[in-house]
């Protein structure tokens, strides 16, 4: 049985769904999605999900709750979540000169690279399934293939996401179709051990 570990770029996946107007699929069971992409003779050992928690700005408490509920739901399904952070940056309008604070997500691609390389050295997979269209992952994928020629890396592009660089450096690639997203939704409600109910947000329908 060929061992598979999945590495999910949460931001790339989220914005791919958003750009495709697939809000109804935000309540996505990424482990089930990875399982649906396996071939006969493969076994999914672990699913890693990489993102950053939304920073409070006084106006986004509802967004924070939706994200927290989703991350807790993934954890209940056995997904291993790893977090980067947001870095505040100042944006400026080129026309009027007005400026405002904005936030840029950091560390996701670095965290994916470290986990992927570490797992390769630990012999934790035979095939790595990388769900992302971020070309920044080209170098770590290439390094794993150079160092571990017997291991395979397959890239699964989220909707509205694609990278020729990733396509060229991986052993294989595919595009995630709507049918896979539809079939890989979390249950409408999940109950935590303490009895708290996690439910699909009303706006994610």
Protein backbone atom coordinates (compact mmCIF):
# COMPACT_ATOMS: atom_id res chain seq x y z
CA UNK A 1 0.00 0.00 0.00
CA UNK A 2 1.42 3.37 -1.02
CA UNK A 3 1.46 5.92 1.80
CA UNK A 4 0.13 9.41 1.03
CA UNK A 5 0.30 12.60 3.09
CA UNK A 6 -1.68 15.68 2.04
CA UNK A 7 -0.51 19.28 2.44
CA UNK A 8 -3.29 21.84 2.04
CA UNK A 9 -2.52 25.51 1.38
CA UNK A 10 -5.56 26.95 3.13
CA UNK A 11 -5.24 30.46 1.68
CA UNK A 12 -4.72 29.34 -1.89
CA UNK A 13 -7.65 26.96 -1.61
CA UNK A 14 -9.91 29.55 0.03
CA UNK A 15 -9.26 32.24 -2.55
CA UNK A 16 -9.62 29.72 -5.36
CA UNK A 17 -13.08 28.86 -4.05
CA UNK A 18 -13.88 32.55 -3.59
CA UNK A 19 -12.79 33.51 -7.09
CA UNK A 20 -14.90 30.66 -8.47
CA UNK A 21 -18.01 31.83 -6.54
CA UNK A 22 -17.92 28.53 -4.63
CA UNK A 23 -18.85 29.94 -1.24
CA UNK A 24 -21.24 27.03 -0.77
CA UNK A 25 -18.19 24.75 -0.57
CA UNK A 26 -16.28 26.65 2.15
CA UNK A 27 -17.38 24.06 4.76
CA UNK A 28 -14.93 21.68 3.16
CA UNK A 29 -13.59 18.50 4.74
CA UNK A 30 -10.06 18.73 3.35
CA UNK A 31 -9.19 15.23 4.58
CA UNK A 32 -12.17 13.77 2.71
CA UNK A 33 -11.15 15.82 -0.34
CA UNK A 34 -7.62 14.42 -0.21
CA UNK A 35 -9.04 10.91 0.21
CA UNK A 36 -11.18 11.39 -2.90
CA UNK A 37 -8.08 12.22 -4.95
CA UNK A 38 -6.25 8.97 -4.13
CA UNK A 39 -5.72 6.20 -6.62
CA UNK A 40 -6.33 2.50 -5.93
CA UNK A 41 -3.55 1.08 -3.79
CA UNK A 42 -2.97 4.36 -1.93
CA UNK A 43 -3.66 5.09 1.74
CA UNK A 44 -4.01 8.56 3.25
CA UNK A 45 -1.93 8.72 6.44
CA UNK A 46 -2.26 12.40 7.38
CA UNK A 47 -3.68 15.73 6.21
CA UNK A 48 -1.95 18.99 7.13
CA UNK A 49 -3.82 22.29 6.75
CA UNK A 50 -1.86 25.54 6.68
CA UNK A 51 -3.40 28.96 7.32
CA UNK A 52 -3.29 31.96 9.70
CA UNK A 53 -5.90 33.04 12.18
CA UNK A 54 -7.77 36.24 11.34
CA UNK A 55 -6.58 39.20 13.38
CA UNK A 56 -9.23 41.11 15.30
CA UNK A 57 -9.82 44.65 14.02
CA UNK A 58 -13.00 45.51 15.90
CA UNK A 59 -15.21 44.79 12.89
CA UNK A 60 -14.58 41.15 12.05
CA UNK A 61 -15.78 39.14 15.05
CA UNK A 62 -18.21 37.19 12.85
CA UNK A 63 -15.40 36.31 10.43
CA UNK A 64 -13.25 35.15 13.33
CA UNK A 65 -16.01 32.92 14.68
CA UNK A 66 -16.62 31.32 11.29
CA UNK A 67 -12.92 30.60 10.88
CA UNK A 68 -12.52 29.28 14.44
CA UNK A 69 -15.53 26.98 14.07
CA UNK A 70 -14.17 25.70 10.77
CA UNK A 71 -10.70 25.03 12.15
CA UNK A 72 -12.17 23.21 15.15
CA UNK A 73 -14.32 21.14 12.80
CA UNK A 74 -11.24 20.17 10.79
CA UNK A 75 -9.43 19.20 13.99
CA UNK A 76 -12.34 16.93 14.94
CA UNK A 77 -11.88 15.19 11.58
CA UNK A 78 -8.22 14.53 12.36
CA UNK A 79 -6.73 17.33 10.25
CA UNK A 80 -3.49 18.77 11.63
CA UNK A 81 -3.66 22.57 11.45
CA UNK A 82 -0.56 24.74 11.38
CA UNK A 83 -0.62 28.52 11.60
CA UNK A 84 1.32 31.41 10.19
CA UNK A 85 0.53 35.00 11.05
CA UNK A 86 -0.54 38.34 9.60
CA UNK A 87 1.89 41.22 9.14
CA UNK A 88 0.51 44.75 9.16
CA UNK A 89 1.43 46.84 6.15
CA UNK A 90 0.46 50.35 5.09
CA UNK A 91 -1.32 50.69 1.76
CA UNK A 92 -1.54 53.96 -0.14
CA UNK A 93 -3.85 55.13 -2.91
CA UNK A 94 -1.79 56.25 -5.90
CA UNK A 95 -4.42 58.73 -6.98
CA UNK A 96 -5.39 60.55 -3.76
CA UNK A 97 -2.45 59.67 -1.51
CA UNK A 98 -4.67 58.32 1.30
CA UNK A 99 -3.16 55.50 3.34
CA UNK A 100 -4.67 52.76 5.48
CA UNK A 101 -3.47 49.71 7.42
CA UNK A 102 -3.74 46.33 5.74
CA UNK A 103 -2.63 42.83 6.67
CA UNK A 104 -0.63 40.32 4.67
CA UNK A 105 -0.50 36.64 5.51
CA UNK A 106 2.97 35.26 6.20
CA UNK A 107 4.60 31.88 6.80
CA UNK A 108 2.14 29.53 5.09
CA UNK A 109 4.48 28.58 2.22
CA UNK A 110 7.41 28.31 4.65
CA UNK A 111 5.42 26.05 7.00
CA UNK A 112 4.38 23.83 4.09
CA UNK A 113 7.98 23.60 2.88
CA UNK A 114 9.30 22.68 6.34
CA UNK A 115 6.63 20.03 6.91
CA UNK A 116 7.10 18.55 3.44
CA UNK A 117 10.88 18.37 3.72
CA UNK A 118 10.76 17.09 7.30
CA UNK A 119 8.31 14.35 6.39
CA UNK A 120 10.45 13.34 3.42
CA UNK A 121 13.53 12.99 5.66
CA UNK A 122 11.44 11.05 8.20
CA UNK A 123 10.15 8.77 5.44
CA UNK A 124 6.58 9.66 6.40
CA UNK A 125 5.14 9.28 2.90
CA UNK A 126 5.66 7.63 -0.46
CA UNK A 127 3.56 10.25 -2.27
CA UNK A 128 2.92 13.81 -1.16
CA UNK A 129 -0.32 15.42 -2.33
CA UNK A 130 0.12 19.21 -2.36
CA UNK A 131 -3.17 21.11 -2.69
CA UNK A 132 -2.08 24.54 -3.89
CA UNK A 133 -1.39 26.64 -6.94
CA UNK A 134 1.28 28.78 -5.28
CA UNK A 135 4.48 28.81 -7.32
CA UNK A 136 6.47 29.63 -4.14
CA UNK A 137 6.29 25.91 -3.38
CA UNK A 138 8.28 25.06 -6.50
CA UNK A 139 11.66 25.08 -4.73
CA UNK A 140 10.79 22.76 -1.81
CA UNK A 141 9.05 20.34 -4.18
CA UNK A 142 12.08 20.32 -6.45
CA UNK A 143 14.43 19.77 -3.51
CA UNK A 144 12.42 16.80 -2.22
CA UNK A 145 12.47 15.21 -5.67
CA UNK A 146 16.21 15.78 -6.02
CA UNK A 147 17.00 14.34 -2.59
CA UNK A 148 14.42 11.52 -2.59
CA UNK A 149 14.10 10.27 -6.14
CA UNK A 150 11.88 7.37 -5.07
CA UNK A 151 9.19 9.66 -3.66
CA UNK A 152 6.43 11.22 -5.74
CA UNK A 153 4.83 14.62 -5.40
CA UNK A 154 1.47 15.32 -6.99
CA UNK A 155 0.02 18.84 -7.13
CA UNK A 156 -3.76 19.30 -6.96
CA UNK A 157 -4.77 22.75 -8.18
CA UNK A 158 -7.75 24.38 -6.42
CA UNK A 159 -10.43 25.94 -8.62
CA UNK A 160 -9.20 29.11 -10.36
CA UNK A 161 -5.61 28.35 -9.35
CA UNK A 162 -2.82 27.09 -11.61
CA UNK A 163 0.96 27.30 -11.88
CA UNK A 164 3.10 26.16 -14.79
CA UNK A 165 6.10 26.10 -12.46
CA UNK A 166 4.40 23.66 -10.08
CA UNK A 167 3.20 21.58 -13.00
CA UNK A 168 6.73 21.23 -14.33
CA UNK A 169 8.42 20.39 -11.02
CA UNK A 170 5.92 17.79 -9.76
CA UNK A 171 5.59 14.14 -10.77
CA UNK A 172 1.97 14.73 -11.63
CA UNK A 173 -0.84 17.23 -11.34
CA UNK A 174 -4.61 17.51 -11.47
CA UNK A 175 -7.31 20.15 -11.07
CA UNK A 176 -9.90 19.74 -8.31
CA UNK A 177 -13.36 19.62 -9.86
CA UNK A 178 -16.62 20.83 -8.41
CA UNK A 179 -17.84 17.26 -8.04
CA UNK A 180 -15.03 16.54 -5.56
CA UNK A 181 -15.83 19.69 -3.56
CA UNK A 182 -19.53 18.87 -3.43
CA UNK A 183 -18.87 15.32 -2.23
CA UNK A 184 -16.33 16.38 0.43
CA UNK A 185 -18.37 18.68 2.66
CA UNK A 186 -18.29 18.41 6.43
CA UNK A 187 -21.47 17.30 8.20
CA UNK A 188 -23.88 20.17 8.80
CA UNK A 189 -23.16 19.84 12.52
CA UNK A 190 -20.31 18.33 14.51
CA UNK A 191 -20.34 17.90 18.30
CA UNK A 192 -17.17 18.52 20.29
CA UNK A 193 -16.31 16.30 23.30
CA UNK A 194 -17.57 19.08 25.62
CA UNK A 195 -20.94 19.09 23.86
CA UNK A 196 -20.44 22.32 21.92
CA UNK A 197 -22.01 22.11 18.46
CA UNK A 198 -20.05 23.31 15.44
CA UNK A 199 -22.40 24.13 12.57
CA UNK A 200 -21.94 25.22 8.99
CA UNK A 201 -22.21 29.05 8.98
CA UNK A 202 -25.49 30.25 7.54
CA UNK A 203 -23.66 32.36 4.96
CA UNK A 204 -21.75 29.30 3.66
CA UNK A 205 -24.73 27.81 1.86
